[in-house]
């Protein structure tokens, strides 16, 4: 199944030719293919050959275009967490800013009138979310006041309330979990004045959307599906009465069967970035296999699981790959599972228990050692757990034979992540 920007063949061909011309990675991937014959449908047939994965992005000498590597165009460099503790760095050009504005235009022009006041918790560079937010508003010349609020204010209720009283926001932009948590903190008067909540970065389930909208009775939610690599790929509008399907503006999405019976109703997402003729992107992408899953009903994407091998702790993402590297690189550890207590109205502090299994005698201080290794690999998790105290991380070391005792019956996002409680 192919959806999105499927009627712009000329732009797709231009994007591919420019990628082949300037990047060794895509020159190799498109070898022996007739680029003039390239279509979204052909890309769908090539997900085994013409594709790129997150780990490929570390090879900047091969995936960044020559005009970026040689400093021929101005570009910002954004940072996104790596699944093995190394950050991936993504070049972002002026043309990428223009493309982001086009992606956001439908909801910016419909939901933001002159005089709107945005309280944003999306951090600026090197984070991508703040850069996209500014690009979308600036590129559409929206008559909006954009107030950047330090994320550290989430740790100090008095500073937070004083800031909101000064700003008097009509819109809140934040990570999905942060928006919900703000609803638990802010006074009713401030919550009632908010008419739009722009979220992204984490899965928005129907339960979490309902709980958030109950806290902000006059608001609608703009739910963005995006990534540092492809900007704001898609969005949907969620209100009390209805949920729109995802709208995809500037990308081609190929949706394939997963082959996993536990996710039979979902399809694997491959993302292709399409630039307009003459534009230069910092990172060409064709069939980007980010690991996300889309649920399709009547030919439309109605929900997306962001990445099935990740748990979210107060806005920080803990990837299963990080834990896997630590466990299987440790001389005393043999296996592990993760028990996840996600954010919910009954559980305002998400929690994960990482149960690691050893054989023989238990080494002294094993739990503390594993936790410190996780913090070294993922500083955002350290911040959320140790400083912000918005989430909890517990490491349990058990003998190998007790690893899977007392687990929830059904696995969660993967067969290693088990969800306890209500996953919203």
Protein backbone atom coordinates (compact mmCIF):
# COMPACT_ATOMS: atom_id res chain seq x y z
CA UNK A 1 0.00 0.00 0.00
CA UNK A 2 1.38 3.42 -1.01
CA UNK A 3 -0.01 6.68 0.41
CA UNK A 4 0.98 10.32 0.78
CA UNK A 5 2.57 12.43 -1.96
CA UNK A 6 1.99 9.88 -4.70
CA UNK A 7 1.06 12.23 -7.55
CA UNK A 8 4.33 14.19 -7.72
CA UNK A 9 6.41 11.88 -9.93
CA UNK A 10 8.56 14.72 -11.30
CA UNK A 11 9.56 15.82 -7.79
CA UNK A 12 10.27 12.24 -6.72
CA UNK A 13 12.53 11.67 -9.74
CA UNK A 14 14.32 14.97 -9.09
CA UNK A 15 14.87 14.04 -5.41
CA UNK A 16 16.28 10.62 -6.35
CA UNK A 17 18.59 12.01 -9.04
CA UNK A 18 19.99 14.62 -6.68
CA UNK A 19 20.53 11.94 -4.02
CA UNK A 20 22.36 9.64 -6.44
CA UNK A 21 24.46 12.54 -7.72
CA UNK A 22 25.59 13.69 -4.26
CA UNK A 23 25.60 10.67 -1.89
CA UNK A 24 27.60 7.43 -2.21
CA UNK A 25 24.93 5.61 -0.20
CA UNK A 26 22.11 6.28 -2.67
CA UNK A 27 24.38 5.93 -5.69
CA UNK A 28 24.91 2.33 -4.59
CA UNK A 29 21.26 1.67 -3.69
CA UNK A 30 19.89 2.95 -7.01
CA UNK A 31 22.56 1.27 -9.15
CA UNK A 32 21.12 -0.27 -12.34
CA UNK A 33 17.73 1.37 -11.82
CA UNK A 34 16.23 3.80 -14.32
CA UNK A 35 15.55 6.87 -12.21
CA UNK A 36 13.33 8.40 -14.89
CA UNK A 37 10.97 5.47 -14.39
CA UNK A 38 10.86 5.86 -10.60
CA UNK A 39 7.38 5.95 -9.08
CA UNK A 40 6.01 5.49 -5.55
CA UNK A 41 4.70 2.10 -6.65
CA UNK A 42 8.17 1.04 -7.78
CA UNK A 43 9.63 2.14 -4.46
CA UNK A 44 7.10 -0.13 -2.76
CA UNK A 45 8.57 -3.07 -4.67
CA UNK A 46 12.12 -2.17 -3.61
CA UNK A 47 11.94 -2.11 0.20
CA UNK A 48 14.59 -4.85 0.35
CA UNK A 49 17.08 -3.05 -1.92
CA UNK A 50 16.33 0.68 -1.87
CA UNK A 51 16.04 1.32 1.84
CA UNK A 52 17.80 2.98 4.76
CA UNK A 53 17.80 2.14 8.47
CA UNK A 54 18.59 4.23 11.58
CA UNK A 55 22.04 2.68 12.03
CA UNK A 56 22.98 3.77 8.50
CA UNK A 57 22.70 7.40 9.58
CA UNK A 58 25.95 7.21 11.52
CA UNK A 59 27.79 7.00 8.18
CA UNK A 60 27.56 10.72 7.49
CA UNK A 61 30.30 10.54 4.87
CA UNK A 62 28.01 8.29 2.82
CA UNK A 63 24.47 9.50 3.62
CA UNK A 64 25.00 13.28 3.82
CA UNK A 65 25.02 14.96 0.39
CA UNK A 66 28.26 16.45 -0.90
CA UNK A 67 26.86 19.98 -0.70
CA UNK A 68 26.40 19.47 3.05
CA UNK A 69 29.70 17.64 3.62
CA UNK A 70 31.61 20.32 1.71
CA UNK A 71 29.83 23.24 3.38
CA UNK A 72 28.32 24.55 0.14
CA UNK A 73 24.96 25.41 1.75
CA UNK A 74 24.05 26.63 5.20
CA UNK A 75 22.66 23.88 7.40
CA UNK A 76 21.83 23.32 11.04
CA UNK A 77 22.75 19.99 12.57
CA UNK A 78 20.08 18.42 14.74
CA UNK A 79 20.57 15.60 17.19
CA UNK A 80 18.44 12.54 17.80
CA UNK A 81 19.02 9.71 20.29
CA UNK A 82 20.78 6.67 18.96
CA UNK A 83 19.56 3.18 19.80
CA UNK A 84 23.02 2.22 21.07
CA UNK A 85 23.74 5.36 23.06
CA UNK A 86 25.36 7.26 20.19
CA UNK A 87 23.46 10.29 18.92
CA UNK A 88 22.54 10.49 15.25
CA UNK A 89 23.12 13.90 13.71
CA UNK A 90 20.86 15.13 10.92
CA UNK A 91 21.63 18.07 8.61
CA UNK A 92 18.72 20.48 8.11
CA UNK A 93 18.83 23.01 5.28
CA UNK A 94 16.83 26.12 4.44
CA UNK A 95 14.88 24.02 1.94
CA UNK A 96 14.08 21.54 4.71
CA UNK A 97 12.63 24.47 6.67
CA UNK A 98 10.42 25.35 3.69
CA UNK A 99 9.32 21.73 3.40
CA UNK A 100 8.45 21.61 7.11
CA UNK A 101 6.25 24.69 6.65
CA UNK A 102 4.41 22.94 3.82
CA UNK A 103 3.91 19.85 6.00
CA UNK A 104 2.42 21.93 8.81
CA UNK A 105 0.44 24.41 6.70
CA UNK A 106 -2.95 22.59 6.75
CA UNK A 107 -3.30 22.67 10.52
CA UNK A 108 -1.44 25.93 11.15
CA UNK A 109 -3.72 27.85 8.77
CA UNK A 110 -6.88 26.19 10.10
CA UNK A 111 -6.30 26.28 13.85
CA UNK A 112 -4.08 29.32 14.46
CA UNK A 113 -5.56 32.79 14.17
CA UNK A 114 -3.70 36.07 14.60
CA UNK A 115 -2.91 36.70 18.23
CA UNK A 116 -2.54 33.07 19.28
CA UNK A 117 -0.05 32.62 22.12
CA UNK A 118 1.97 29.43 22.05
CA UNK A 119 3.66 28.08 25.19
CA UNK A 120 6.21 25.65 23.80
CA UNK A 121 8.21 23.04 25.67
CA UNK A 122 9.88 21.88 22.45
CA UNK A 123 13.57 22.62 23.01
CA UNK A 124 15.59 24.55 20.40
CA UNK A 125 18.63 23.16 18.59
CA UNK A 126 20.09 20.63 18.69
CA UNK A 127 16.61 19.15 19.25
CA UNK A 128 14.50 18.81 16.11
CA UNK A 129 11.07 19.47 17.63
CA UNK A 130 11.71 23.12 18.43
CA UNK A 131 13.30 23.72 15.04
CA UNK A 132 10.28 22.24 13.26
CA UNK A 133 7.89 24.31 15.37
CA UNK A 134 9.62 27.59 14.54
CA UNK A 135 9.99 26.63 10.86
CA UNK A 136 6.31 25.75 10.51
CA UNK A 137 5.05 28.97 12.05
CA UNK A 138 7.66 31.23 10.44
CA UNK A 139 7.35 29.64 6.98
CA UNK A 140 3.57 30.10 6.99
CA UNK A 141 3.87 33.65 8.35
CA UNK A 142 1.42 32.77 11.10
CA UNK A 143 0.47 35.73 13.29
CA UNK A 144 1.43 33.82 16.41
CA UNK A 145 3.44 34.67 19.52
CA UNK A 146 5.77 31.76 20.24
CA UNK A 147 7.05 31.55 23.83
CA UNK A 148 9.86 29.08 24.48
CA UNK A 149 9.59 27.77 28.05
CA UNK A 150 12.65 26.11 29.64
CA UNK A 151 11.96 22.42 30.15
CA UNK A 152 13.47 22.72 33.62
CA UNK A 153 10.37 24.70 34.66
CA UNK A 154 8.48 21.40 34.64
CA UNK A 155 10.42 20.59 37.82
CA UNK A 156 9.38 23.78 39.63
CA UNK A 157 5.63 24.31 39.93
CA UNK A 158 5.96 27.92 41.11
CA UNK A 159 8.15 28.96 38.18
CA UNK A 160 5.86 27.11 35.79
CA UNK A 161 2.68 28.77 37.05
CA UNK A 162 4.27 32.22 37.05
CA UNK A 163 5.35 31.72 33.44
CA UNK A 164 1.87 30.61 32.36
CA UNK A 165 0.24 33.52 34.18
CA UNK A 166 2.53 35.95 32.33
CA UNK A 167 2.10 34.31 28.92
CA UNK A 168 -1.63 33.49 29.12
CA UNK A 169 -1.26 30.84 26.39
CA UNK A 170 -3.98 29.76 24.02
CA UNK A 171 -1.89 26.81 22.79
CA UNK A 172 0.51 24.34 24.36
CA UNK A 173 3.18 22.52 22.33
CA UNK A 174 4.92 19.64 24.07
CA UNK A 175 5.73 15.96 24.06
CA UNK A 176 2.59 13.86 24.40
CA UNK A 177 3.24 12.84 28.00
CA UNK A 178 4.23 16.38 29.00
CA UNK A 179 0.93 17.80 27.75
CA UNK A 180 -1.02 15.31 29.86
CA UNK A 181 1.12 16.04 32.94
CA UNK A 182 0.59 19.80 32.49
CA UNK A 183 -3.14 19.16 32.70
CA UNK A 184 -2.60 17.69 36.16
CA UNK A 185 -0.59 20.72 37.33
CA UNK A 186 -2.17 23.82 35.79
CA UNK A 187 -5.13 25.66 37.38
CA UNK A 188 -8.55 25.38 35.75
CA UNK A 189 -8.53 28.98 34.47
CA UNK A 190 -5.34 28.44 32.48
CA UNK A 191 -6.49 25.05 31.16
CA UNK A 192 -9.81 26.50 30.00
CA UNK A 193 -8.04 29.15 27.88
CA UNK A 194 -6.11 26.56 25.87
CA UNK A 195 -7.74 25.77 22.50
CA UNK A 196 -5.01 23.73 20.79
CA UNK A 197 -2.52 21.20 22.10
CA UNK A 198 0.22 20.27 19.65
CA UNK A 199 1.97 17.02 20.56
CA UNK A 200 4.42 14.59 19.07
CA UNK A 201 7.34 12.33 19.79
CA UNK A 202 5.30 9.61 21.50
CA UNK A 203 2.30 7.45 20.71
CA UNK A 204 -1.05 9.09 21.37
CA UNK A 205 -3.56 6.36 22.16
CA UNK A 206 -7.33 6.97 22.40
CA UNK A 207 -7.18 6.61 26.19
CA UNK A 208 -4.43 9.21 26.59
CA UNK A 209 -6.15 11.59 24.17
CA UNK A 210 -9.41 11.29 26.12
CA UNK A 211 -7.66 11.86 29.44
CA UNK A 212 -5.84 14.93 28.09
CA UNK A 213 -8.96 16.47 26.56
CA UNK A 214 -10.84 16.01 29.82
CA UNK A 215 -8.19 18.17 31.48
CA UNK A 216 -8.33 20.80 28.69
CA UNK A 217 -12.09 21.00 27.97
CA UNK A 218 -11.90 23.64 25.20
CA UNK A 219 -8.96 22.20 23.26
CA UNK A 220 -8.34 19.98 20.26
CA UNK A 221 -5.15 17.96 19.87
CA UNK A 222 -2.90 18.18 16.81
CA UNK A 223 -1.08 14.85 16.90
CA UNK A 224 2.11 14.95 14.83
CA UNK A 225 3.86 11.84 13.55
CA UNK A 226 7.36 13.04 12.86
CA UNK A 227 11.04 12.32 13.19
CA UNK A 228 14.25 14.27 13.07
CA UNK A 229 15.01 12.51 9.80
CA UNK A 230 11.80 13.43 7.92
CA UNK A 231 10.31 16.36 9.84
CA UNK A 232 6.51 16.31 10.38
CA UNK A 233 5.61 13.36 8.16
CA UNK A 234 1.91 13.30 9.06
CA UNK A 235 -0.66 14.74 11.44
CA UNK A 236 -4.20 14.12 12.64
CA UNK A 237 -6.70 16.18 14.61
CA UNK A 238 -8.24 14.68 17.75
CA UNK A 239 -11.31 16.20 19.41
CA UNK A 240 -13.90 14.85 21.81
CA UNK A 241 -16.25 14.00 19.00
CA UNK A 242 -13.98 12.61 16.31
CA UNK A 243 -10.48 11.66 15.27
CA UNK A 244 -9.33 12.45 11.76
CA UNK A 245 -7.13 10.02 9.80
CA UNK A 246 -3.49 11.00 9.37
CA UNK A 247 -2.81 13.56 6.65
CA UNK A 248 0.49 13.07 4.78
CA UNK A 249 1.73 16.04 2.78
CA UNK A 250 5.35 15.89 1.63
CA UNK A 251 6.33 12.23 1.98
CA UNK A 252 5.56 8.90 0.35
CA UNK A 253 4.70 6.11 2.78
CA UNK A 254 4.94 2.46 1.83
CA UNK A 255 2.97 0.21 4.18
CA UNK A 256 3.86 -3.49 4.28
CA UNK A 257 2.61 -6.49 6.21
CA UNK A 258 4.72 -7.08 9.32
CA UNK A 259 4.68 -10.87 9.24
CA UNK A 260 4.07 -10.78 13.01
CA UNK A 261 0.72 -12.23 14.07
CA UNK A 262 0.79 -10.12 17.26
CA UNK A 263 0.61 -7.04 15.00
CA UNK A 264 -1.54 -8.39 12.19
CA UNK A 265 -3.72 -5.26 12.13
CA UNK A 266 -0.67 -3.01 11.70
CA UNK A 267 1.61 -2.40 8.73
CA UNK A 268 5.31 -1.57 8.74
CA UNK A 269 6.04 2.01 7.68
CA UNK A 270 8.71 2.97 5.12
CA UNK A 271 9.18 6.72 4.61
CA UNK A 272 10.42 8.51 1.49
CA UNK A 273 11.19 12.23 1.62
CA UNK A 274 10.06 14.18 -1.47
CA UNK A 275 11.59 17.58 -2.23
CA UNK A 276 10.28 20.10 -4.73
CA UNK A 277 12.38 20.56 -7.86
CA UNK A 278 15.45 22.68 -7.17
CA UNK A 279 15.45 22.12 -3.39
CA UNK A 280 18.32 20.52 -1.45
CA UNK A 281 17.68 18.39 1.61
CA UNK A 282 20.26 17.72 4.29
CA UNK A 283 19.34 14.03 4.38
CA UNK A 284 17.84 12.19 1.39
CA UNK A 285 15.55 9.33 2.50
CA UNK A 286 14.01 6.53 0.45
CA UNK A 287 12.07 3.73 2.19
CA UNK A 288 13.34 4.76 5.62
CA UNK A 289 12.68 1.79 7.89
CA UNK A 290 12.32 3.49 11.27
CA UNK A 291 10.42 0.53 12.80
CA UNK A 292 7.07 2.31 13.24
CA UNK A 293 3.76 0.52 12.67
CA UNK A 294 0.61 2.04 11.16
CA UNK A 295 -2.94 0.82 11.63
CA UNK A 296 -5.00 1.14 8.46
CA UNK A 297 -8.79 1.20 8.20
CA UNK A 298 -10.58 1.70 4.88
CA UNK A 299 -7.36 2.74 3.20
CA UNK A 300 -6.48 5.42 5.77
CA UNK A 301 -3.92 5.50 8.59
CA UNK A 302 -5.84 5.89 11.83
CA UNK A 303 -3.10 5.26 14.40
CA UNK A 304 0.65 4.76 14.59
CA UNK A 305 2.82 2.92 17.09
CA UNK A 306 5.88 5.11 17.20
CA UNK A 307 8.59 2.46 17.64
CA UNK A 308 7.68 -0.90 19.03
CA UNK A 309 10.99 -1.50 20.78
CA UNK A 310 10.96 1.49 23.11
CA UNK A 311 9.50 2.53 26.43
CA UNK A 312 8.94 6.18 27.35
CA UNK A 313 9.94 7.57 30.72
CA UNK A 314 8.64 11.10 31.22
CA UNK A 315 9.52 12.08 27.66
CA UNK A 316 12.85 10.22 27.46
CA UNK A 317 13.00 7.12 25.30
CA UNK A 318 14.70 3.94 26.46
CA UNK A 319 15.33 1.69 23.47
CA UNK A 320 15.52 -2.05 23.88
CA UNK A 321 18.75 -2.03 21.84
CA UNK A 322 20.49 -0.03 24.54
CA UNK A 323 19.57 -2.54 27.23
CA UNK A 324 20.43 -5.42 24.90
CA UNK A 325 23.94 -4.08 24.27
CA UNK A 326 24.56 -3.68 27.99
CA UNK A 327 23.22 -7.10 29.00
CA UNK A 328 24.84 -9.13 26.26
CA UNK A 329 28.12 -7.28 26.66
CA UNK A 330 28.29 -8.07 30.38
CA UNK A 331 30.27 -11.11 31.45
CA UNK A 332 27.82 -12.10 34.20
CA UNK A 333 24.45 -11.43 32.49
CA UNK A 334 22.60 -13.82 30.20
CA UNK A 335 19.16 -12.35 29.45
CA UNK A 336 16.63 -9.70 30.42
CA UNK A 337 13.00 -8.54 30.25
CA UNK A 338 11.47 -5.10 30.76
CA UNK A 339 8.27 -4.63 32.76
CA UNK A 340 6.69 -1.32 31.83
CA UNK A 341 4.20 0.69 33.89
CA UNK A 342 3.18 3.40 31.40
CA UNK A 343 1.74 6.82 32.05
CA UNK A 344 -1.96 6.72 32.92
CA UNK A 345 -4.47 8.68 35.03
CA UNK A 346 -3.80 6.17 37.83
CA UNK A 347 -0.02 6.28 37.31
CA UNK A 348 1.37 9.81 36.80
CA UNK A 349 4.98 8.53 36.97
CA UNK A 350 5.85 5.98 34.27
CA UNK A 351 8.12 3.22 35.48
CA UNK A 352 10.18 0.42 33.98
CA UNK A 353 11.64 -2.55 35.82
CA UNK A 354 14.56 -4.06 33.96
CA UNK A 355 14.95 -7.60 35.19
CA UNK A 356 18.39 -8.98 34.31
CA UNK A 357 19.35 -12.63 34.72
CA UNK A 358 22.68 -14.01 35.90
CA UNK A 359 24.06 -17.52 36.28
CA UNK A 360 26.05 -18.74 39.25
CA UNK A 361 26.87 -16.35 42.10
CA UNK A 362 25.38 -12.85 41.98
CA UNK A 363 28.12 -10.20 41.65
CA UNK A 364 28.06 -7.49 44.32
CA UNK A 365 26.50 -4.21 43.18
CA UNK A 366 25.17 -5.67 39.91
CA UNK A 367 21.94 -3.64 39.89
CA UNK A 368 23.72 -0.32 40.44
CA UNK A 369 26.27 -1.18 37.77
CA UNK A 370 23.59 -1.91 35.16
CA UNK A 371 21.64 1.23 36.01
CA UNK A 372 24.77 3.37 35.68
CA UNK A 373 25.56 1.81 32.29
CA UNK A 374 22.03 2.67 31.11
CA UNK A 375 22.46 6.26 32.28
CA UNK A 376 25.80 6.51 30.48
CA UNK A 377 24.13 5.35 27.26
CA UNK A 378 21.04 7.54 27.66
CA UNK A 379 21.45 10.88 29.44
CA UNK A 380 17.79 11.94 28.86
CA UNK A 381 16.67 8.91 30.90
CA UNK A 382 19.09 9.89 33.69
CA UNK A 383 17.59 13.39 33.69
CA UNK A 384 13.97 12.24 33.82
CA UNK A 385 14.62 9.69 36.56
CA UNK A 386 17.28 11.28 38.75
CA UNK A 387 16.69 15.02 38.29
CA UNK A 388 13.17 15.64 37.02
CA UNK A 389 11.90 12.65 39.03
CA UNK A 390 9.06 12.35 36.54
CA UNK A 391 9.63 8.62 36.06
CA UNK A 392 11.21 5.62 37.70
CA UNK A 393 13.84 3.08 36.63
CA UNK A 394 14.39 -0.08 38.67
CA UNK A 395 16.95 -2.78 37.94
CA UNK A 396 16.36 -6.25 39.41
CA UNK A 397 19.00 -8.97 39.18
CA UNK A 398 17.61 -12.50 39.45
CA UNK A 399 18.87 -16.03 38.78
CA UNK A 400 18.28 -17.17 35.21
CA UNK A 401 15.49 -19.59 36.19
CA UNK A 402 13.45 -16.75 37.74
CA UNK A 403 13.68 -14.30 34.84
CA UNK A 404 10.13 -14.85 33.59
CA UNK A 405 8.35 -15.53 36.85
CA UNK A 406 5.20 -13.47 37.44
CA UNK A 407 5.28 -11.54 34.18
CA UNK A 408 2.09 -10.03 32.72
CA UNK A 409 0.43 -12.67 30.53
CA UNK A 410 0.62 -10.75 27.24
CA UNK A 411 3.82 -9.16 25.95
CA UNK A 412 3.64 -5.47 25.15
CA UNK A 413 5.46 -3.65 22.35
CA UNK A 414 7.83 -6.58 21.84
CA UNK A 415 8.16 -10.04 23.31
CA UNK A 416 10.72 -8.60 25.74
CA UNK A 417 8.66 -5.63 26.95
CA UNK A 418 5.77 -6.61 29.21
CA UNK A 419 3.17 -3.98 30.02
CA UNK A 420 1.74 -3.89 33.53
CA UNK A 421 -1.31 -1.76 34.17
CA UNK A 422 -3.09 0.33 31.60
CA UNK A 423 -1.06 1.28 28.52
CA UNK A 424 -2.39 4.64 27.35
